[in-house]
Amino acid sequence: MSLVHILFALILLLAVAVGMIRIHFGPTAADRMMAAQLFGTCGVAILLLLAWGLNTPVLLDIALVFALLAALTTMTFVRRAW
């Protein structure tokens, strides 16, 4: 992996850390759900970076599954909230 991949992964991990703060101090359930969506998006992005940097295509499949699960959780939240 190159230094650029590691730098992008660290930036995404920083976004996840900010999301943790939002989950802790979020005033509404919608704020917390948006932070959880941020976790899903950053997780998929990190997996895609790893798949590209390490040249392992199996991580692309795992990223696809995570993206589908993130969409499913959003639909479930919307259905329960309204």
PDB file of N, CA and C in Angstrom:
ATOM      1  N   MET A   1       0.848  -1.192   0.000  1.00  0.00           N
ATOM      2  CA  MET A   1       0.000   0.000   0.000  1.00  0.00           C
ATOM      3  C   MET A   1       0.877   1.233   0.000  1.00  0.00           C
ATOM      4  N   SER A   2       0.426   2.218  -0.708  1.00  0.00           N
ATOM      5  CA  SER A   2       1.195   3.459  -0.767  1.00  0.00           C
ATOM      6  C   SER A   2       0.789   4.383   0.377  1.00  0.00           C
ATOM      7  N   LEU A   3       1.543   5.428   0.497  1.00  0.00           N
ATOM      8  CA  LEU A   3       1.290   6.405   1.548  1.00  0.00           C
ATOM      9  C   LEU A   3      -0.043   7.126   1.319  1.00  0.00           C
ATOM     10  N   VAL A   4      -0.433   7.268   0.068  1.00  0.00           N
ATOM     11  CA  VAL A   4      -1.705   7.941  -0.252  1.00  0.00           C
ATOM     12  C   VAL A   4      -2.885   7.124   0.264  1.00  0.00           C
ATOM     13  N   HIS A   5      -2.828   5.796   0.096  1.00  0.00           N
ATOM     14  CA  HIS A   5      -3.904   4.945   0.602  1.00  0.00           C
ATOM     15  C   HIS A   5      -4.028   5.056   2.115  1.00  0.00           C
ATOM     16  N   ILE A   6      -2.905   5.043   2.779  1.00  0.00           N
ATOM     17  CA  ILE A   6      -2.904   5.130   4.236  1.00  0.00           C
ATOM     18  C   ILE A   6      -3.439   6.486   4.684  1.00  0.00           C
ATOM     19  N   LEU A   7      -3.071   7.546   3.982  1.00  0.00           N
ATOM     20  CA  LEU A   7      -3.551   8.881   4.332  1.00  0.00           C
ATOM     21  C   LEU A   7      -5.062   8.980   4.156  1.00  0.00           C
ATOM     22  N   PHE A   8      -5.591   8.467   3.051  1.00  0.00           N
ATOM     23  CA  PHE A   8      -7.038   8.492   2.840  1.00  0.00           C
ATOM     24  C   PHE A   8      -7.760   7.655   3.891  1.00  0.00           C
ATOM     25  N   ALA A   9      -7.207   6.513   4.253  1.00  0.00           N
ATOM     26  CA  ALA A   9      -7.823   5.677   5.286  1.00  0.00           C
ATOM     27  C   ALA A   9      -7.843   6.401   6.634  1.00  0.00           C
ATOM     28  N   LEU A  10      -6.788   7.121   6.952  1.00  0.00           N
ATOM     29  CA  LEU A  10      -6.758   7.874   8.202  1.00  0.00           C
ATOM     30  C   LEU A  10      -7.774   9.008   8.198  1.00  0.00           C
ATOM     31  N   ILE A  11      -7.959   9.654   7.055  1.00  0.00           N
ATOM     32  CA  ILE A  11      -8.972  10.703   6.963  1.00  0.00           C
ATOM     33  C   ILE A  11     -10.365  10.112   7.174  1.00  0.00           C
ATOM     34  N   LEU A  12     -10.603   8.941   6.604  1.00  0.00           N
ATOM     35  CA  LEU A  12     -11.902   8.293   6.795  1.00  0.00           C
ATOM     36  C   LEU A  12     -12.094   7.858   8.246  1.00  0.00           C
ATOM     37  N   LEU A  13     -11.027   7.401   8.885  1.00  0.00           N
ATOM     38  CA  LEU A  13     -11.135   7.041  10.304  1.00  0.00           C
ATOM     39  C   LEU A  13     -11.398   8.268  11.168  1.00  0.00           C
ATOM     40  N   LEU A  14     -10.857   9.406  10.777  1.00  0.00           N
ATOM     41  CA  LEU A  14     -11.151  10.650  11.489  1.00  0.00           C
ATOM     42  C   LEU A  14     -12.629  11.008  11.342  1.00  0.00           C
ATOM     43  N   ALA A  15     -13.186  10.793  10.158  1.00  0.00           N
ATOM     44  CA  ALA A  15     -14.622  11.039   9.962  1.00  0.00           C
ATOM     45  C   ALA A  15     -15.460  10.119  10.839  1.00  0.00           C
ATOM     46  N   VAL A  16     -15.021   8.881  11.009  1.00  0.00           N
ATOM     47  CA  VAL A  16     -15.730   7.955  11.889  1.00  0.00           C
ATOM     48  C   VAL A  16     -15.662   8.442  13.337  1.00  0.00           C
ATOM     49  N   ALA A  17     -14.522   8.974  13.746  1.00  0.00           N
ATOM     50  CA  ALA A  17     -14.384   9.497  15.112  1.00  0.00           C
ATOM     51  C   ALA A  17     -15.320  10.683  15.334  1.00  0.00           C
ATOM     52  N   VAL A  18     -15.459  11.543  14.345  1.00  0.00           N
ATOM     53  CA  VAL A  18     -16.401  12.661  14.456  1.00  0.00           C
ATOM     54  C   VAL A  18     -17.831  12.132  14.525  1.00  0.00           C
ATOM     55  N   GLY A  19     -18.119  11.076  13.793  1.00  0.00           N
ATOM     56  CA  GLY A  19     -19.438  10.453  13.860  1.00  0.00           C
ATOM     57  C   GLY A  19     -19.734   9.885  15.237  1.00  0.00           C
ATOM     58  N   MET A  20     -18.711   9.343  15.896  1.00  0.00           N
ATOM     59  CA  MET A  20     -18.892   8.840  17.270  1.00  0.00           C
ATOM     60  C   MET A  20     -19.309   9.966  18.207  1.00  0.00           C
ATOM     61  N   ILE A  21     -18.713  11.122  18.018  1.00  0.00           N
ATOM     62  CA  ILE A  21     -19.092  12.276  18.840  1.00  0.00           C
ATOM     63  C   ILE A  21     -20.540  12.656  18.558  1.00  0.00           C
ATOM     64  N   ARG A  22     -20.936  12.588  17.278  1.00  0.00           N
ATOM     65  CA  ARG A  22     -22.306  12.942  16.910  1.00  0.00           C
ATOM     66  C   ARG A  22     -23.304  11.947  17.497  1.00  0.00           C
ATOM     67  N   ILE A  23     -22.938  10.691  17.535  1.00  0.00           N
ATOM     68  CA  ILE A  23     -23.838   9.699  18.131  1.00  0.00           C
ATOM     69  C   ILE A  23     -24.002   9.957  19.630  1.00  0.00           C
ATOM     70  N   HIS A  24     -22.922  10.340  20.278  1.00  0.00           N
ATOM     71  CA  HIS A  24     -22.989  10.564  21.728  1.00  0.00           C
ATOM     72  C   HIS A  24     -23.797  11.815  22.063  1.00  0.00           C
ATOM     73  N   PHE A  25     -23.596  12.897  21.308  1.00  0.00           N
ATOM     74  CA  PHE A  25     -24.245  14.167  21.641  1.00  0.00           C
ATOM     75  C   PHE A  25     -25.418  14.513  20.738  1.00  0.00           C
ATOM     76  N   GLY A  26     -25.800  13.629  19.827  1.00  0.00           N
ATOM     77  CA  GLY A  26     -26.898  13.916  18.901  1.00  0.00           C
ATOM     78  C   GLY A  26     -28.200  14.134  19.635  1.00  0.00           C
ATOM     79  N   PRO A  27     -28.865  15.255  19.372  1.00  0.00           N
ATOM     80  CA  PRO A  27     -30.102  15.517  20.125  1.00  0.00           C
ATOM     81  C   PRO A  27     -31.287  14.661  19.675  1.00  0.00           C
ATOM     82  N   THR A  28     -31.290  14.207  18.421  1.00  0.00           N
ATOM     83  CA  THR A  28     -32.433  13.431  17.946  1.00  0.00           C
ATOM     84  C   THR A  28     -31.962  12.078  17.407  1.00  0.00           C
ATOM     85  N   ALA A  29     -32.927  11.205  17.217  1.00  0.00           N
ATOM     86  CA  ALA A  29     -32.611   9.890  16.662  1.00  0.00           C
ATOM     87  C   ALA A  29     -32.152   9.996  15.213  1.00  0.00           C
ATOM     88  N   ALA A  30     -32.645  10.988  14.496  1.00  0.00           N
ATOM     89  CA  ALA A  30     -32.235  11.169  13.106  1.00  0.00           C
ATOM     90  C   ALA A  30     -30.754  11.539  13.019  1.00  0.00           C
ATOM     91  N   ASP A  31     -30.275  12.346  13.956  1.00  0.00           N
ATOM     92  CA  ASP A  31     -28.848  12.679  13.984  1.00  0.00           C
ATOM     93  C   ASP A  31     -28.007  11.434  14.219  1.00  0.00           C
ATOM     94  N   ARG A  32     -28.458  10.611  15.111  1.00  0.00           N
ATOM     95  CA  ARG A  32     -27.728   9.374  15.389  1.00  0.00           C
ATOM     96  C   ARG A  32     -27.757   8.427  14.200  1.00  0.00           C
ATOM     97  N   MET A  33     -28.871   8.386  13.489  1.00  0.00           N
ATOM     98  CA  MET A  33     -28.963   7.529  12.315  1.00  0.00           C
ATOM     99  C   MET A  33     -28.059   8.025  11.202  1.00  0.00           C
ATOM    100  N   MET A  34     -27.956   9.328  11.035  1.00  0.00           N
ATOM    101  CA  MET A  34     -27.058   9.874  10.018  1.00  0.00           C
ATOM    102  C   MET A  34     -25.600   9.558  10.355  1.00  0.00           C
ATOM    103  N   ALA A  35     -25.255   9.572  11.629  1.00  0.00           N
ATOM    104  CA  ALA A  35     -23.901   9.196  12.021  1.00  0.00           C
ATOM    105  C   ALA A  35     -23.660   7.716  11.750  1.00  0.00           C
ATOM    106  N   ALA A  36     -24.669   6.892  11.975  1.00  0.00           N
ATOM    107  CA  ALA A  36     -24.523   5.466  11.664  1.00  0.00           C
ATOM    108  C   ALA A  36     -24.357   5.256  10.163  1.00  0.00           C
ATOM    109  N   GLN A  37     -25.040   6.051   9.356  1.00  0.00           N
ATOM    110  CA  GLN A  37     -24.851   5.983   7.912  1.00  0.00           C
ATOM    111  C   GLN A  37     -23.431   6.399   7.530  1.00  0.00           C
ATOM    112  N   LEU A  38     -22.892   7.366   8.253  1.00  0.00           N
ATOM    113  CA  LEU A  38     -21.506   7.769   8.020  1.00  0.00           C
ATOM    114  C   LEU A  38     -20.564   6.605   8.290  1.00  0.00           C
ATOM    115  N   PHE A  39     -20.842   5.809   9.321  1.00  0.00           N
ATOM    116  CA  PHE A  39     -20.020   4.632   9.600  1.00  0.00           C
ATOM    117  C   PHE A  39     -20.059   3.649   8.438  1.00  0.00           C
ATOM    118  N   GLY A  40     -21.256   3.428   7.923  1.00  0.00           N
ATOM    119  CA  GLY A  40     -21.384   2.506   6.801  1.00  0.00           C
ATOM    120  C   GLY A  40     -20.652   2.996   5.567  1.00  0.00           C
ATOM    121  N   THR A  41     -20.800   4.274   5.267  1.00  0.00           N
ATOM    122  CA  THR A  41     -20.150   4.842   4.093  1.00  0.00           C
ATOM    123  C   THR A  41     -18.629   4.823   4.238  1.00  0.00           C
ATOM    124  N   CYS A  42     -18.146   5.210   5.397  1.00  0.00           N
ATOM    125  CA  CYS A  42     -16.690   5.199   5.615  1.00  0.00           C
ATOM    126  C   CYS A  42     -16.156   3.767   5.628  1.00  0.00           C
ATOM    127  N   GLY A  43     -16.909   2.852   6.172  1.00  0.00           N
ATOM    128  CA  GLY A  43     -16.473   1.455   6.166  1.00  0.00           C
ATOM    129  C   GLY A  43     -16.349   0.905   4.755  1.00  0.00           C
ATOM    130  N   VAL A  44     -17.319   1.230   3.912  1.00  0.00           N
ATOM    131  CA  VAL A  44     -17.257   0.796   2.519  1.00  0.00           C
ATOM    132  C   VAL A  44     -16.069   1.452   1.821  1.00  0.00           C
ATOM    133  N   ALA A  45     -15.865   2.734   2.062  1.00  0.00           N
ATOM    134  CA  ALA A  45     -14.744   3.433   1.422  1.00  0.00           C
ATOM    135  C   ALA A  45     -13.400   2.863   1.873  1.00  0.00           C
ATOM    136  N   ILE A  46     -13.266   2.549   3.138  1.00  0.00           N
ATOM    137  CA  ILE A  46     -12.015   1.963   3.627  1.00  0.00           C
ATOM    138  C   ILE A  46     -11.786   0.591   3.014  1.00  0.00           C
ATOM    139  N   LEU A  47     -12.852  -0.203   2.910  1.00  0.00           N
ATOM    140  CA  LEU A  47     -12.709  -1.511   2.270  1.00  0.00           C
ATOM    141  C   LEU A  47     -12.325  -1.384   0.799  1.00  0.00           C
ATOM    142  N   LEU A  48     -12.889  -0.407   0.109  1.00  0.00           N
ATOM    143  CA  LEU A  48     -12.523  -0.202  -1.288  1.00  0.00           C
ATOM    144  C   LEU A  48     -11.063   0.247  -1.431  1.00  0.00           C
ATOM    145  N   LEU A  49     -10.618   1.096  -0.517  1.00  0.00           N
ATOM    146  CA  LEU A  49      -9.207   1.496  -0.532  1.00  0.00           C
ATOM    147  C   LEU A  49      -8.287   0.304  -0.282  1.00  0.00           C
ATOM    148  N   LEU A  50      -8.662  -0.528   0.660  1.00  0.00           N
ATOM    149  CA  LEU A  50      -7.861  -1.714   0.947  1.00  0.00           C
ATOM    150  C   LEU A  50      -7.859  -2.687  -0.225  1.00  0.00           C
ATOM    151  N   ALA A  51      -9.008  -2.849  -0.869  1.00  0.00           N
ATOM    152  CA  ALA A  51      -9.084  -3.755  -2.020  1.00  0.00           C
ATOM    153  C   ALA A  51      -8.194  -3.267  -3.146  1.00  0.00           C
ATOM    154  N   TRP A  52      -8.192  -1.968  -3.351  1.00  0.00           N
ATOM    155  CA  TRP A  52      -7.366  -1.409  -4.424  1.00  0.00           C
ATOM    156  C   TRP A  52      -5.881  -1.435  -4.061  1.00  0.00           C
ATOM    157  N   GLY A  53      -5.573  -1.074  -2.814  1.00  0.00           N
ATOM    158  CA  GLY A  53      -4.176  -1.003  -2.394  1.00  0.00           C
ATOM    159  C   GLY A  53      -3.521  -2.365  -2.234  1.00  0.00           C
ATOM    160  N   LEU A  54      -4.270  -3.344  -1.748  1.00  0.00           N
ATOM    161  CA  LEU A  54      -3.717  -4.678  -1.520  1.00  0.00           C
ATOM    162  C   LEU A  54      -3.981  -5.635  -2.681  1.00  0.00           C
ATOM    163  N   ASN A  55      -4.745  -5.166  -3.670  1.00  0.00           N
ATOM    164  CA  ASN A  55      -5.076  -5.968  -4.848  1.00  0.00           C
ATOM    165  C   ASN A  55      -5.763  -7.281  -4.450  1.00  0.00           C
ATOM    166  N   THR A  56      -6.774  -7.155  -3.593  1.00  0.00           N
ATOM    167  CA  THR A  56      -7.568  -8.314  -3.176  1.00  0.00           C
ATOM    168  C   THR A  56      -9.031  -8.059  -3.546  1.00  0.00           C
ATOM    169  N   PRO A  57      -9.503  -8.691  -4.601  1.00  0.00           N
ATOM    170  CA  PRO A  57     -10.871  -8.427  -5.063  1.00  0.00           C
ATOM    171  C   PRO A  57     -11.967  -8.936  -4.125  1.00  0.00           C
ATOM    172  N   VAL A  58     -11.641  -9.814  -3.199  1.00  0.00           N
ATOM    173  CA  VAL A  58     -12.672 -10.302  -2.279  1.00  0.00           C
ATOM    174  C   VAL A  58     -13.178  -9.173  -1.377  1.00  0.00           C
ATOM    175  N   LEU A  59     -12.351  -8.164  -1.125  1.00  0.00           N
ATOM    176  CA  LEU A  59     -12.789  -7.043  -0.308  1.00  0.00           C
ATOM    177  C   LEU A  59     -13.853  -6.211  -1.027  1.00  0.00           C
ATOM    178  N   LEU A  60     -13.882  -6.258  -2.343  1.00  0.00           N
ATOM    179  CA  LEU A  60     -14.938  -5.571  -3.094  1.00  0.00           C
ATOM    180  C   LEU A  60     -16.298  -6.195  -2.803  1.00  0.00           C
ATOM    181  N   ASP A  61     -16.330  -7.515  -2.691  1.00  0.00           N
ATOM    182  CA  ASP A  61     -17.583  -8.199  -2.360  1.00  0.00           C
ATOM    183  C   ASP A  61     -18.047  -7.854  -0.954  1.00  0.00           C
ATOM    184  N   ILE A  62     -17.119  -7.781  -0.043  1.00  0.00           N
ATOM    185  CA  ILE A  62     -17.461  -7.430   1.334  1.00  0.00           C
ATOM    186  C   ILE A  62     -17.970  -5.998   1.398  1.00  0.00           C
ATOM    187  N   ALA A  63     -17.351  -5.094   0.638  1.00  0.00           N
ATOM    188  CA  ALA A  63     -17.812  -3.704   0.598  1.00  0.00           C
ATOM    189  C   ALA A  63     -19.227  -3.617   0.030  1.00  0.00           C
ATOM    190  N   LEU A  64     -19.526  -4.431  -0.969  1.00  0.00           N
ATOM    191  CA  LEU A  64     -20.873  -4.445  -1.541  1.00  0.00           C
ATOM    192  C   LEU A  64     -21.896  -4.913  -0.516  1.00  0.00           C
ATOM    193  N   VAL A  65     -21.565  -5.930   0.257  1.00  0.00           N
ATOM    194  CA  VAL A  65     -22.474  -6.411   1.294  1.00  0.00           C
ATOM    195  C   VAL A  65     -22.696  -5.338   2.352  1.00  0.00           C
ATOM    196  N   PHE A  66     -21.633  -4.650   2.755  1.00  0.00           N
ATOM    197  CA  PHE A  66     -21.782  -3.569   3.736  1.00  0.00           C
ATOM    198  C   PHE A  66     -22.663  -2.453   3.192  1.00  0.00           C
ATOM    199  N   ALA A  67     -22.515  -2.107   1.915  1.00  0.00           N
ATOM    200  CA  ALA A  67     -23.345  -1.058   1.319  1.00  0.00           C
ATOM    201  C   ALA A  67     -24.814  -1.465   1.302  1.00  0.00           C
ATOM    202  N   LEU A  68     -25.085  -2.724   0.995  1.00  0.00           N
ATOM    203  CA  LEU A  68     -26.465  -3.198   1.006  1.00  0.00           C
ATOM    204  C   LEU A  68     -27.054  -3.207   2.418  1.00  0.00           C
ATOM    205  N   LEU A  69     -26.252  -3.592   3.394  1.00  0.00           N
ATOM    206  CA  LEU A  69     -26.728  -3.571   4.784  1.00  0.00           C
ATOM    207  C   LEU A  69     -26.988  -2.151   5.263  1.00  0.00           C
ATOM    208  N   ALA A  70     -26.166  -1.202   4.839  1.00  0.00           N
ATOM    209  CA  ALA A  70     -26.376   0.194   5.232  1.00  0.00           C
ATOM    210  C   ALA A  70     -27.686   0.713   4.652  1.00  0.00           C
ATOM    211  N   ALA A  71     -27.976   0.363   3.415  1.00  0.00           N
ATOM    212  CA  ALA A  71     -29.249   0.781   2.814  1.00  0.00           C
ATOM    213  C   ALA A  71     -30.421   0.140   3.536  1.00  0.00           C
ATOM    214  N   LEU A  72     -30.294  -1.099   3.910  1.00  0.00           N
ATOM    215  CA  LEU A  72     -31.361  -1.800   4.624  1.00  0.00           C
ATOM    216  C   LEU A  72     -31.618  -1.181   5.994  1.00  0.00           C
ATOM    217  N   THR A  73     -30.573  -0.811   6.700  1.00  0.00           N
ATOM    218  CA  THR A  73     -30.770  -0.190   8.014  1.00  0.00           C
ATOM    219  C   THR A  73     -31.446   1.166   7.889  1.00  0.00           C
ATOM    220  N   THR A  74     -31.127   1.908   6.838  1.00  0.00           N
ATOM    221  CA  THR A  74     -31.788   3.197   6.640  1.00  0.00           C
ATOM    222  C   THR A  74     -33.275   3.009   6.364  1.00  0.00           C
ATOM    223  N   MET A  75     -33.589   2.055   5.526  1.00  0.00           N
ATOM    224  CA  MET A  75     -35.001   1.800   5.241  1.00  0.00           C
ATOM    225  C   MET A  75     -35.745   1.353   6.492  1.00  0.00           C
ATOM    226  N   THR A  76     -35.112   0.537   7.302  1.00  0.00           N
ATOM    227  CA  THR A  76     -35.735   0.080   8.546  1.00  0.00           C
ATOM    228  C   THR A  76     -35.961   1.243   9.505  1.00  0.00           C
ATOM    229  N   PHE A  77     -34.983   2.135   9.609  1.00  0.00           N
ATOM    230  CA  PHE A  77     -35.129   3.289  10.486  1.00  0.00           C
ATOM    231  C   PHE A  77     -36.273   4.186  10.024  1.00  0.00           C
ATOM    232  N   VAL A  78     -36.336   4.448   8.746  1.00  0.00           N
ATOM    233  CA  VAL A  78     -37.394   5.311   8.223  1.00  0.00           C
ATOM    234  C   VAL A  78     -38.762   4.686   8.438  1.00  0.00           C
ATOM    235  N   ARG A  79     -38.841   3.397   8.244  1.00  0.00           N
ATOM    236  CA  ARG A  79     -40.124   2.718   8.426  1.00  0.00           C
ATOM    237  C   ARG A  79     -40.581   2.752   9.899  1.00  0.00           C
ATOM    238  N   ARG A  80     -39.641   2.609  10.814  1.00  0.00           N
ATOM    239  CA  ARG A  80     -40.003   2.627  12.239  1.00  0.00           C
ATOM    240  C   ARG A  80     -40.244   4.038  12.749  1.00  0.00           C
ATOM    241  N   ALA A  81     -39.513   5.025  12.204  1.00  0.00           N
ATOM    242  CA  ALA A  81     -39.623   6.380  12.726  1.00  0.00           C
ATOM    243  C   ALA A  81     -40.905   7.075  12.270  1.00  0.00           C
ATOM    244  N   TRP A  82     -41.368   6.774  11.064  1.00  0.00           N
ATOM    245  CA  TRP A  82     -42.566   7.455  10.561  1.00  0.00           C
ATOM    246  C   TRP A  82     -43.648   6.481  10.362  1.00  0.00           C
TER     247      TRP A  82
END
